[in-house]
Amino acid sequence: MRPLVLAAALALIAGPALAQFPPPGVYACVSENGANLGELTLFVAGDYSFKNVDGNSASGQVASAGTDVNPLSGPLKDMQLTGMFATDDSGKTTFRFTGADGLEVICR
């Protein structure tokens, strides 16, 4: 009985962390050298919109597992970006994406 109770307690503690999803919001995106790439707007449930520096906007869907972010459709998928996010103690979230061609994108 004791191992079962311990396993249930651990599942309750770990559950919220595993179900983590990036917070909705508007994030400015730059390349690793600081060049402006556009703006990522993340909506609830993984919908997003990306507006590039020319003002063109397209939308898509992302999936999240833990802190990993994987585009399922839209411009981030077209750029072959995969990434992760982190939220600091002040509540500021930063996304770091890497493309198949080595492109590094940071959105804050």
Protein backbone atom coordinates (compact mmCIF):
# COMPACT_ATOMS: atom_id res chain seq x y z
CA MET A 1 0.00 0.00 0.00
CA ARG A 2 2.79 2.45 0.89
CA PRO A 3 4.49 2.24 -2.58
CA LEU A 4 1.13 2.95 -4.24
CA VAL A 5 0.56 6.05 -2.11
CA LEU A 6 4.09 7.27 -2.85
CA ALA A 7 3.61 6.71 -6.60
CA ALA A 8 0.31 8.62 -6.54
CA ALA A 9 1.91 11.53 -4.68
CA LEU A 10 4.77 11.70 -7.18
CA ALA A 11 2.32 11.65 -10.10
CA LEU A 12 0.42 14.60 -8.63
CA ILE A 13 3.62 16.59 -8.21
CA ALA A 14 4.99 15.79 -11.68
CA GLY A 15 1.67 16.11 -13.53
CA PRO A 16 1.46 19.90 -13.82
CA ALA A 17 5.06 20.20 -15.00
CA LEU A 18 4.49 17.67 -17.77
CA ALA A 19 1.33 19.44 -18.90
CA GLN A 20 3.12 22.78 -19.24
CA PHE A 21 2.17 24.90 -22.27
CA PRO A 22 3.78 28.15 -23.41
CA PRO A 23 1.90 31.20 -22.19
CA PRO A 24 -0.13 33.09 -24.80
CA GLY A 25 1.27 36.48 -25.75
CA VAL A 26 3.13 38.55 -28.31
CA TYR A 27 6.86 37.86 -28.66
CA ALA A 28 9.44 39.81 -30.69
CA CYS A 29 11.70 37.43 -32.63
CA VAL A 30 15.33 38.01 -33.59
CA SER A 31 18.12 35.93 -35.10
CA GLU A 32 21.14 34.89 -33.04
CA ASN A 33 22.94 38.05 -34.26
CA GLY A 34 20.06 40.32 -33.21
CA ALA A 35 18.45 40.89 -36.62
CA ASN A 36 14.70 41.48 -36.38
CA LEU A 37 12.78 38.53 -37.86
CA GLY A 38 9.22 39.40 -36.91
CA GLU A 39 6.60 38.86 -34.27
CA LEU A 40 5.17 35.64 -32.87
CA THR A 41 1.68 35.81 -31.38
CA LEU A 42 0.79 32.69 -29.43
CA PHE A 43 -2.86 32.00 -28.68
CA VAL A 44 -4.49 29.49 -26.35
CA ALA A 45 -4.32 25.79 -27.33
CA GLY A 46 -1.28 26.11 -29.61
CA ASP A 47 -2.62 28.39 -32.34
CA TYR A 48 -0.13 31.03 -33.41
CA SER A 49 0.44 33.80 -35.92
CA PHE A 50 3.81 34.94 -37.22
CA LYS A 51 4.25 38.35 -38.84
CA ASN A 52 7.56 38.82 -40.63
CA VAL A 53 9.42 42.14 -40.96
CA ASP A 54 7.68 42.81 -44.29
CA GLY A 55 4.33 42.75 -42.48
CA ASN A 56 3.19 39.46 -44.01
CA SER A 57 1.34 37.32 -41.51
CA ALA A 58 0.51 33.62 -41.52
CA SER A 59 -0.84 31.29 -38.87
CA GLY A 60 -0.34 27.74 -37.73
CA GLN A 61 -0.41 25.33 -34.83
CA VAL A 62 2.29 24.21 -32.38
CA ALA A 63 2.43 21.23 -30.06
CA SER A 64 4.12 21.37 -26.68
CA ALA A 65 5.45 18.61 -24.47
CA GLY A 66 7.08 19.82 -21.30
CA THR A 67 9.11 22.80 -22.46
CA ASP A 68 9.59 21.54 -26.05
CA VAL A 69 7.72 23.39 -28.81
CA ASN A 70 7.20 21.73 -32.20
CA PRO A 71 5.38 23.49 -35.05
CA LEU A 72 2.72 21.31 -36.65
CA SER A 73 1.82 23.76 -39.43
CA GLY A 74 2.34 27.31 -40.63
CA PRO A 75 5.42 29.50 -41.05
CA LEU A 76 7.43 28.06 -38.15
CA LYS A 77 7.04 24.59 -39.68
CA ASP A 78 7.92 26.00 -43.11
CA MET A 79 11.16 27.38 -41.59
CA GLN A 80 11.76 23.88 -40.09
CA LEU A 81 12.07 25.34 -36.59
CA THR A 82 11.87 23.30 -33.40
CA GLY A 83 12.53 24.68 -29.99
CA MET A 84 11.86 25.12 -26.34
CA PHE A 85 10.64 27.78 -23.98
CA ALA A 86 11.46 28.87 -20.47
CA THR A 87 9.71 31.24 -18.09
CA ASP A 88 11.86 33.03 -15.52
CA ASP A 89 10.92 33.95 -11.95
CA SER A 90 9.56 37.33 -13.07
CA GLY A 91 7.16 35.62 -15.51
CA LYS A 92 9.03 36.54 -18.70
CA THR A 93 8.97 33.76 -21.31
CA THR A 94 11.68 33.22 -23.92
CA PHE A 95 11.47 30.86 -26.89
CA ARG A 96 14.60 29.43 -28.55
CA PHE A 97 14.12 27.80 -31.93
CA THR A 98 16.68 26.07 -34.12
CA GLY A 99 16.21 25.43 -37.82
CA ALA A 100 17.47 22.52 -39.90
CA ASP A 101 19.82 24.96 -41.65
CA GLY A 102 21.29 26.14 -38.34
CA LEU A 103 19.12 29.23 -38.03
CA GLU A 104 18.73 30.28 -34.39
CA VAL A 105 15.62 32.29 -33.49
CA ILE A 106 14.94 33.86 -30.09
CA CYS A 107 11.48 35.24 -29.27
CA ARG A 108 10.88 37.31 -26.13
